[in-house]
């Protein structure tokens, strides 16, 4: 398993959809701030809850944005959840660090 990075973690949330939502919110915040001369706000909230007694956690990810308009602001909130494994050293991934081949046999590399 490769080393966990911010990019890999965010990329795994909601199967990559959350990352797209975050990028869209950031772009919109920047564009509307310049367009209307008013402050925008984008908040990311992560909540972790253990799944049963396993080494998995449910990661609830909430994206909230306050985007200015010409006469006020638009407030959007999006909350989704992704189950993740807590691997060695506390690294988080949608795949366990001890995953075996789906048929239970080692894959042989041919020369």
Protein backbone atom coordinates (compact mmCIF):
# COMPACT_ATOMS: atom_id res chain seq x y z
CA UNK A 1 0.00 0.00 0.00
CA UNK A 2 1.34 3.43 -0.88
CA UNK A 3 1.81 6.20 1.66
CA UNK A 4 -1.36 8.16 2.46
CA UNK A 5 -1.45 11.74 1.18
CA UNK A 6 -4.09 14.45 1.38
CA UNK A 7 -4.70 13.99 -2.34
CA UNK A 8 -5.16 10.20 -2.07
CA UNK A 9 -7.44 10.52 0.97
CA UNK A 10 -9.74 13.16 -0.56
CA UNK A 11 -9.69 11.25 -3.86
CA UNK A 12 -11.13 8.14 -2.19
CA UNK A 13 -14.03 9.94 -0.50
CA UNK A 14 -17.34 9.02 -2.14
CA UNK A 15 -15.48 7.24 -4.94
CA UNK A 16 -13.81 10.45 -6.13
CA UNK A 17 -17.07 12.42 -6.37
CA UNK A 18 -16.33 14.43 -3.22
CA UNK A 19 -13.07 15.72 -4.69
CA UNK A 20 -14.96 16.99 -7.75
CA UNK A 21 -17.53 18.72 -5.50
CA UNK A 22 -14.75 20.36 -3.46
CA UNK A 23 -12.96 21.65 -6.57
CA UNK A 24 -16.24 23.03 -7.98
CA UNK A 25 -17.01 24.80 -4.67
CA UNK A 26 -13.52 26.33 -4.51
CA UNK A 27 -13.68 27.57 -8.10
CA UNK A 28 -17.16 29.02 -7.57
CA UNK A 29 -16.06 30.75 -4.35
CA UNK A 30 -13.10 32.38 -6.06
CA UNK A 31 -15.06 33.44 -9.13
CA UNK A 32 -18.04 34.88 -7.22
CA UNK A 33 -15.79 36.68 -4.72
CA UNK A 34 -14.10 38.55 -7.56
CA UNK A 35 -17.36 39.06 -9.47
CA UNK A 36 -19.32 40.52 -6.53
CA UNK A 37 -16.53 41.92 -4.33
CA UNK A 38 -17.88 40.02 -1.33
CA UNK A 39 -16.41 37.31 0.88
CA UNK A 40 -17.10 33.62 0.16
CA UNK A 41 -16.62 30.72 2.55
CA UNK A 42 -16.02 27.00 1.92
CA UNK A 43 -15.89 24.64 4.92
CA UNK A 44 -14.89 20.97 5.01
CA UNK A 45 -15.89 18.95 8.07
CA UNK A 46 -14.80 15.34 8.64
CA UNK A 47 -16.38 13.13 11.32
CA UNK A 48 -15.11 9.62 12.11
CA UNK A 49 -17.16 6.83 13.68
CA UNK A 50 -16.04 3.23 14.21
CA UNK A 51 -18.04 0.63 12.31
CA UNK A 52 -19.02 -2.01 14.88
CA UNK A 53 -15.90 -3.44 16.50
CA UNK A 54 -13.94 -3.63 13.25
CA UNK A 55 -10.86 -1.73 12.14
CA UNK A 56 -13.07 0.32 9.85
CA UNK A 57 -14.44 3.81 10.30
CA UNK A 58 -17.29 5.63 8.63
CA UNK A 59 -15.92 8.98 7.47
CA UNK A 60 -18.72 11.53 7.19
CA UNK A 61 -17.63 14.38 4.94
CA UNK A 62 -19.58 17.61 4.90
CA UNK A 63 -18.94 20.39 2.41
CA UNK A 64 -20.61 23.71 3.13
CA UNK A 65 -20.27 26.83 1.01
CA UNK A 66 -21.52 30.40 1.40
CA UNK A 67 -21.20 31.98 -2.04
CA UNK A 68 -21.97 35.68 -2.60
CA UNK A 69 -24.50 36.86 -5.16
CA UNK A 70 -25.36 40.38 -6.29
CA UNK A 71 -28.14 40.63 -3.67
CA UNK A 72 -27.09 38.24 -0.92
CA UNK A 73 -25.58 34.78 -0.84
CA UNK A 74 -26.28 31.15 -1.72
CA UNK A 75 -25.67 28.58 1.03
CA UNK A 76 -25.15 24.95 0.03
CA UNK A 77 -24.43 21.95 2.24
CA UNK A 78 -23.59 18.45 1.02
CA UNK A 79 -22.98 15.52 3.38
CA UNK A 80 -21.93 12.03 2.32
CA UNK A 81 -20.21 9.09 4.01
CA UNK A 82 -17.41 6.71 3.02
CA UNK A 83 -16.38 3.53 4.89
CA UNK A 84 -12.59 3.27 5.22
CA UNK A 85 -10.09 0.85 6.73
CA UNK A 86 -7.66 2.03 9.39
CA UNK A 87 -4.42 0.45 8.23
CA UNK A 88 -0.94 0.21 9.76
CA UNK A 89 0.23 3.49 11.25
CA UNK A 90 -3.29 4.92 11.14
CA UNK A 91 -3.34 5.35 7.37
CA UNK A 92 -6.86 5.43 5.92
CA UNK A 93 -7.94 3.70 2.71
CA UNK A 94 -11.00 2.16 1.12
CA UNK A 95 -8.86 -1.00 0.75
CA UNK A 96 -7.50 -3.04 3.69
CA UNK A 97 -3.70 -3.25 3.91
CA UNK A 98 -3.93 -7.05 4.14
CA UNK A 99 -6.19 -7.64 1.13
CA UNK A 100 -5.65 -10.97 -0.60
CA UNK A 101 -6.37 -11.96 -4.18
CA UNK A 102 -10.13 -12.39 -4.71
CA UNK A 103 -9.79 -16.09 -5.56
CA UNK A 104 -7.50 -16.69 -2.59
CA UNK A 105 -4.45 -17.58 -4.68
CA UNK A 106 -1.29 -15.65 -5.21
CA UNK A 107 -0.87 -14.13 -8.63
CA UNK A 108 2.14 -15.52 -10.49
CA UNK A 109 4.20 -13.21 -12.62
CA UNK A 110 5.31 -14.71 -15.89
CA UNK A 111 8.64 -13.78 -17.41
